[in-house]
Amino acid sequence: FKNRENISKSLGMEIMLYASAQRQISRALEMMGVKDGTKNMAVVVVGDDSKDVESALTMISEQIDGEQDDTVLELWNGKTDVVQKTFQISEIEIDTVMKKGDFEKALVDLVIERVALLATER
């Protein structure tokens, strides 16, 4: 936002676009948005002061009667399939990037690449 190179007009939507590696708001919302029946969600808090960020996370958790669980960031077999499909990562790409049989690292690297490439697609 400081450089005025954003895709959307709001920081929240910009975060969702980058998290989904999409340029289309409708596609990002379809992939990452809250839907009826949603039981799990990710919350992103942006701030300069870590105490303010922690305070905001605590307040949000209390408001939605939820709890912070960073295990959402971990990968496991079923989740790797969903991530690979969601970000349209082919087996050929995985094989090309994979070193020493580390499938999860290859998958993470390719997701990061998708997100990074979004900034260059102007």
C-alpha atoms as a PDB file:
ATOM      1  CA  PHE A   1       0.000   0.000   0.000  1.00  0.00           C
ATOM      2  CA  LYS A   2       2.851   2.390   0.709  1.00  0.00           C
ATOM      3  CA  ASN A   3       4.161   1.915  -2.842  1.00  0.00           C
ATOM      4  CA  ARG A   4       0.644   2.031  -4.328  1.00  0.00           C
ATOM      5  CA  GLU A   5       1.198  -1.249  -6.137  1.00  0.00           C
ATOM      6  CA  ASN A   6      -1.773  -2.965  -4.560  1.00  0.00           C
ATOM      7  CA  ILE A   7      -4.363  -4.903  -6.530  1.00  0.00           C
ATOM      8  CA  SER A   8      -7.340  -4.049  -4.320  1.00  0.00           C
ATOM      9  CA  LYS A   9      -8.469  -0.992  -2.393  1.00  0.00           C
ATOM     10  CA  SER A  10      -8.376  -2.573   1.063  1.00  0.00           C
ATOM     11  CA  LEU A  11      -5.561  -4.179   3.019  1.00  0.00           C
ATOM     12  CA  GLY A  12      -7.797  -7.056   4.098  1.00  0.00           C
ATOM     13  CA  MET A  13      -8.661  -7.958   0.523  1.00  0.00           C
ATOM     14  CA  GLU A  14      -5.039  -7.540  -0.528  1.00  0.00           C
ATOM     15  CA  ILE A  15      -3.987 -10.062   2.125  1.00  0.00           C
ATOM     16  CA  MET A  16      -6.650 -12.485   0.884  1.00  0.00           C
ATOM     17  CA  LEU A  17      -5.493 -12.055  -2.725  1.00  0.00           C
ATOM     18  CA  TYR A  18      -1.895 -12.826  -1.798  1.00  0.00           C
ATOM     19  CA  ALA A  19      -2.840 -15.702   0.525  1.00  0.00           C
ATOM     20  CA  SER A  20      -4.731 -17.291  -2.355  1.00  0.00           C
ATOM     21  CA  ALA A  21      -2.193 -16.258  -5.044  1.00  0.00           C
ATOM     22  CA  GLN A  22      -5.079 -14.859  -7.087  1.00  0.00           C
ATOM     23  CA  ARG A  23      -5.598 -11.582  -8.916  1.00  0.00           C
ATOM     24  CA  GLN A  24      -9.370 -12.004  -9.098  1.00  0.00           C
ATOM     25  CA  ILE A  25     -11.227 -11.012  -5.938  1.00  0.00           C
ATOM     26  CA  SER A  26     -14.096 -13.408  -6.650  1.00  0.00           C
ATOM     27  CA  ARG A  27     -11.706 -16.360  -6.992  1.00  0.00           C
ATOM     28  CA  ALA A  28      -9.833 -15.369  -3.809  1.00  0.00           C
ATOM     29  CA  LEU A  29     -13.107 -15.158  -1.871  1.00  0.00           C
ATOM     30  CA  GLU A  30     -14.192 -18.520  -3.258  1.00  0.00           C
ATOM     31  CA  MET A  31     -10.900 -20.079  -2.134  1.00  0.00           C
ATOM     32  CA  MET A  32     -10.326 -18.309   1.177  1.00  0.00           C
ATOM     33  CA  GLY A  33     -13.554 -16.626   2.230  1.00  0.00           C
ATOM     34  CA  VAL A  34     -15.791 -17.490   5.167  1.00  0.00           C
ATOM     35  CA  LYS A  35     -18.835 -19.513   4.123  1.00  0.00           C
ATOM     36  CA  ASP A  36     -21.923 -20.853   5.896  1.00  0.00           C
ATOM     37  CA  GLY A  37     -20.779 -23.698   8.084  1.00  0.00           C
ATOM     38  CA  THR A  38     -17.185 -22.468   8.358  1.00  0.00           C
ATOM     39  CA  LYS A  39     -15.733 -23.754  11.611  1.00  0.00           C
ATOM     40  CA  ASN A  40     -12.068 -22.838  11.191  1.00  0.00           C
ATOM     41  CA  MET A  41     -10.588 -19.573  10.055  1.00  0.00           C
ATOM     42  CA  ALA A  42      -7.281 -17.811   9.850  1.00  0.00           C
ATOM     43  CA  VAL A  43      -6.941 -14.325  11.252  1.00  0.00           C
ATOM     44  CA  VAL A  44      -4.230 -11.957  10.080  1.00  0.00           C
ATOM     45  CA  VAL A  45      -3.369  -9.016  12.292  1.00  0.00           C
ATOM     46  CA  VAL A  46      -0.952  -6.411  10.961  1.00  0.00           C
ATOM     47  CA  GLY A  47       0.784  -3.995  13.293  1.00  0.00           C
ATOM     48  CA  ASP A  48       4.034  -2.346  14.270  1.00  0.00           C
ATOM     49  CA  ASP A  49       3.902  -3.277  17.958  1.00  0.00           C
ATOM     50  CA  SER A  50       3.896  -6.972  18.910  1.00  0.00           C
ATOM     51  CA  LYS A  51       1.972  -6.247  22.130  1.00  0.00           C
ATOM     52  CA  ASP A  52      -0.788  -4.532  20.146  1.00  0.00           C
ATOM     53  CA  VAL A  53      -0.925  -7.468  17.734  1.00  0.00           C
ATOM     54  CA  GLU A  54      -1.156 -10.002  20.592  1.00  0.00           C
ATOM     55  CA  SER A  55      -3.841  -7.885  22.259  1.00  0.00           C
ATOM     56  CA  ALA A  56      -5.849  -7.756  19.032  1.00  0.00           C
ATOM     57  CA  LEU A  57      -5.555 -11.536  18.592  1.00  0.00           C
ATOM     58  CA  THR A  58      -6.763 -12.088  22.153  1.00  0.00           C
ATOM     59  CA  MET A  59      -9.714  -9.742  21.649  1.00  0.00           C
ATOM     60  CA  ILE A  60     -10.686 -11.437  18.374  1.00  0.00           C
ATOM     61  CA  SER A  61     -10.465 -14.888  19.975  1.00  0.00           C
ATOM     62  CA  GLU A  62     -12.766 -13.735  22.777  1.00  0.00           C
ATOM     63  CA  GLN A  63     -15.249 -12.128  20.367  1.00  0.00           C
ATOM     64  CA  ILE A  64     -15.643 -15.242  18.229  1.00  0.00           C
ATOM     65  CA  ASP A  65     -15.323 -17.648  21.169  1.00  0.00           C
ATOM     66  CA  GLY A  66     -12.315 -19.233  19.530  1.00  0.00           C
ATOM     67  CA  GLU A  67      -8.785 -20.150  20.397  1.00  0.00           C
ATOM     68  CA  GLN A  68      -5.469 -19.527  18.726  1.00  0.00           C
ATOM     69  CA  ASP A  69      -4.091 -22.660  17.091  1.00  0.00           C
ATOM     70  CA  ASP A  70      -0.955 -22.297  14.986  1.00  0.00           C
ATOM     71  CA  THR A  71      -1.102 -25.952  13.887  1.00  0.00           C
ATOM     72  CA  VAL A  72      -3.144 -24.708  10.923  1.00  0.00           C
ATOM     73  CA  LEU A  73       0.233 -23.821   9.410  1.00  0.00           C
ATOM     74  CA  GLU A  74       1.421 -27.440   9.537  1.00  0.00           C
ATOM     75  CA  LEU A  75       1.148 -29.837   6.604  1.00  0.00           C
ATOM     76  CA  TRP A  76      -0.024 -33.432   6.683  1.00  0.00           C
ATOM     77  CA  ASN A  77      -0.896 -35.947   3.958  1.00  0.00           C
ATOM     78  CA  GLY A  78      -4.509 -34.934   3.327  1.00  0.00           C
ATOM     79  CA  LYS A  79      -3.709 -31.249   3.551  1.00  0.00           C
ATOM     80  CA  THR A  80      -0.845 -31.444   1.058  1.00  0.00           C
ATOM     81  CA  ASP A  81      -3.306 -32.793  -1.519  1.00  0.00           C
ATOM     82  CA  VAL A  82      -5.695 -29.900  -0.894  1.00  0.00           C
ATOM     83  CA  VAL A  83      -2.892 -27.315  -1.070  1.00  0.00           C
ATOM     84  CA  GLN A  84      -1.527 -28.823  -4.281  1.00  0.00           C
ATOM     85  CA  LYS A  85      -4.981 -28.789  -5.893  1.00  0.00           C
ATOM     86  CA  THR A  86      -5.904 -25.321  -4.598  1.00  0.00           C
ATOM     87  CA  PHE A  87      -2.746 -23.726  -5.962  1.00  0.00           C
ATOM     88  CA  GLN A  88      -2.856 -25.855  -9.144  1.00  0.00           C
ATOM     89  CA  ILE A  89       0.605 -27.321  -8.636  1.00  0.00           C
ATOM     90  CA  SER A  90       1.379 -30.215 -10.961  1.00  0.00           C
ATOM     91  CA  GLU A  91       3.329 -33.366 -10.160  1.00  0.00           C
ATOM     92  CA  ILE A  92       5.873 -32.288 -12.782  1.00  0.00           C
ATOM     93  CA  GLU A  93       6.478 -29.035 -10.874  1.00  0.00           C
ATOM     94  CA  ILE A  94       6.846 -30.944  -7.598  1.00  0.00           C
ATOM     95  CA  ASP A  95       9.316 -33.388  -9.169  1.00  0.00           C
ATOM     96  CA  THR A  96      11.316 -30.529 -10.677  1.00  0.00           C
ATOM     97  CA  VAL A  97      11.656 -28.670  -7.380  1.00  0.00           C
ATOM     98  CA  MET A  98      11.884 -31.640  -5.019  1.00  0.00           C
ATOM     99  CA  LYS A  99      15.285 -32.353  -3.538  1.00  0.00           C
ATOM    100  CA  LYS A 100      16.139 -35.461  -1.545  1.00  0.00           C
ATOM    101  CA  GLY A 101      12.515 -36.581  -1.544  1.00  0.00           C
ATOM    102  CA  ASP A 102      11.260 -33.623   0.516  1.00  0.00           C
ATOM    103  CA  PHE A 103       7.772 -33.305  -0.970  1.00  0.00           C
ATOM    104  CA  GLU A 104       6.493 -30.880   1.688  1.00  0.00           C
ATOM    105  CA  LYS A 105       9.379 -28.442   1.190  1.00  0.00           C
ATOM    106  CA  ALA A 106       8.868 -28.540  -2.579  1.00  0.00           C
ATOM    107  CA  LEU A 107       5.156 -27.853  -2.124  1.00  0.00           C
ATOM    108  CA  VAL A 108       5.788 -24.938   0.253  1.00  0.00           C
ATOM    109  CA  ASP A 109       8.408 -23.477  -2.106  1.00  0.00           C
ATOM    110  CA  LEU A 110       5.980 -23.655  -5.031  1.00  0.00           C
ATOM    111  CA  VAL A 111       3.166 -22.004  -3.056  1.00  0.00           C
ATOM    112  CA  ILE A 112       5.560 -19.212  -2.049  1.00  0.00           C
ATOM    113  CA  GLU A 113       6.568 -18.875  -5.696  1.00  0.00           C
ATOM    114  CA  ARG A 114       2.899 -18.545  -6.727  1.00  0.00           C
ATOM    115  CA  VAL A 115       2.354 -15.808  -4.156  1.00  0.00           C
ATOM    116  CA  ALA A 116       5.568 -13.988  -5.122  1.00  0.00           C
ATOM    117  CA  LEU A 117       4.679 -14.128  -8.811  1.00  0.00           C
ATOM    118  CA  LEU A 118       1.396 -12.381  -8.080  1.00  0.00           C
ATOM    119  CA  ALA A 119       3.309  -9.155  -7.417  1.00  0.00           C
ATOM    120  CA  THR A 120       4.975  -9.351 -10.829  1.00  0.00           C
ATOM    121  CA  GLU A 121       1.754  -9.902 -12.790  1.00  0.00           C
ATOM    122  CA  ARG A 122       0.821  -6.336 -13.589  1.00  0.00           C
END
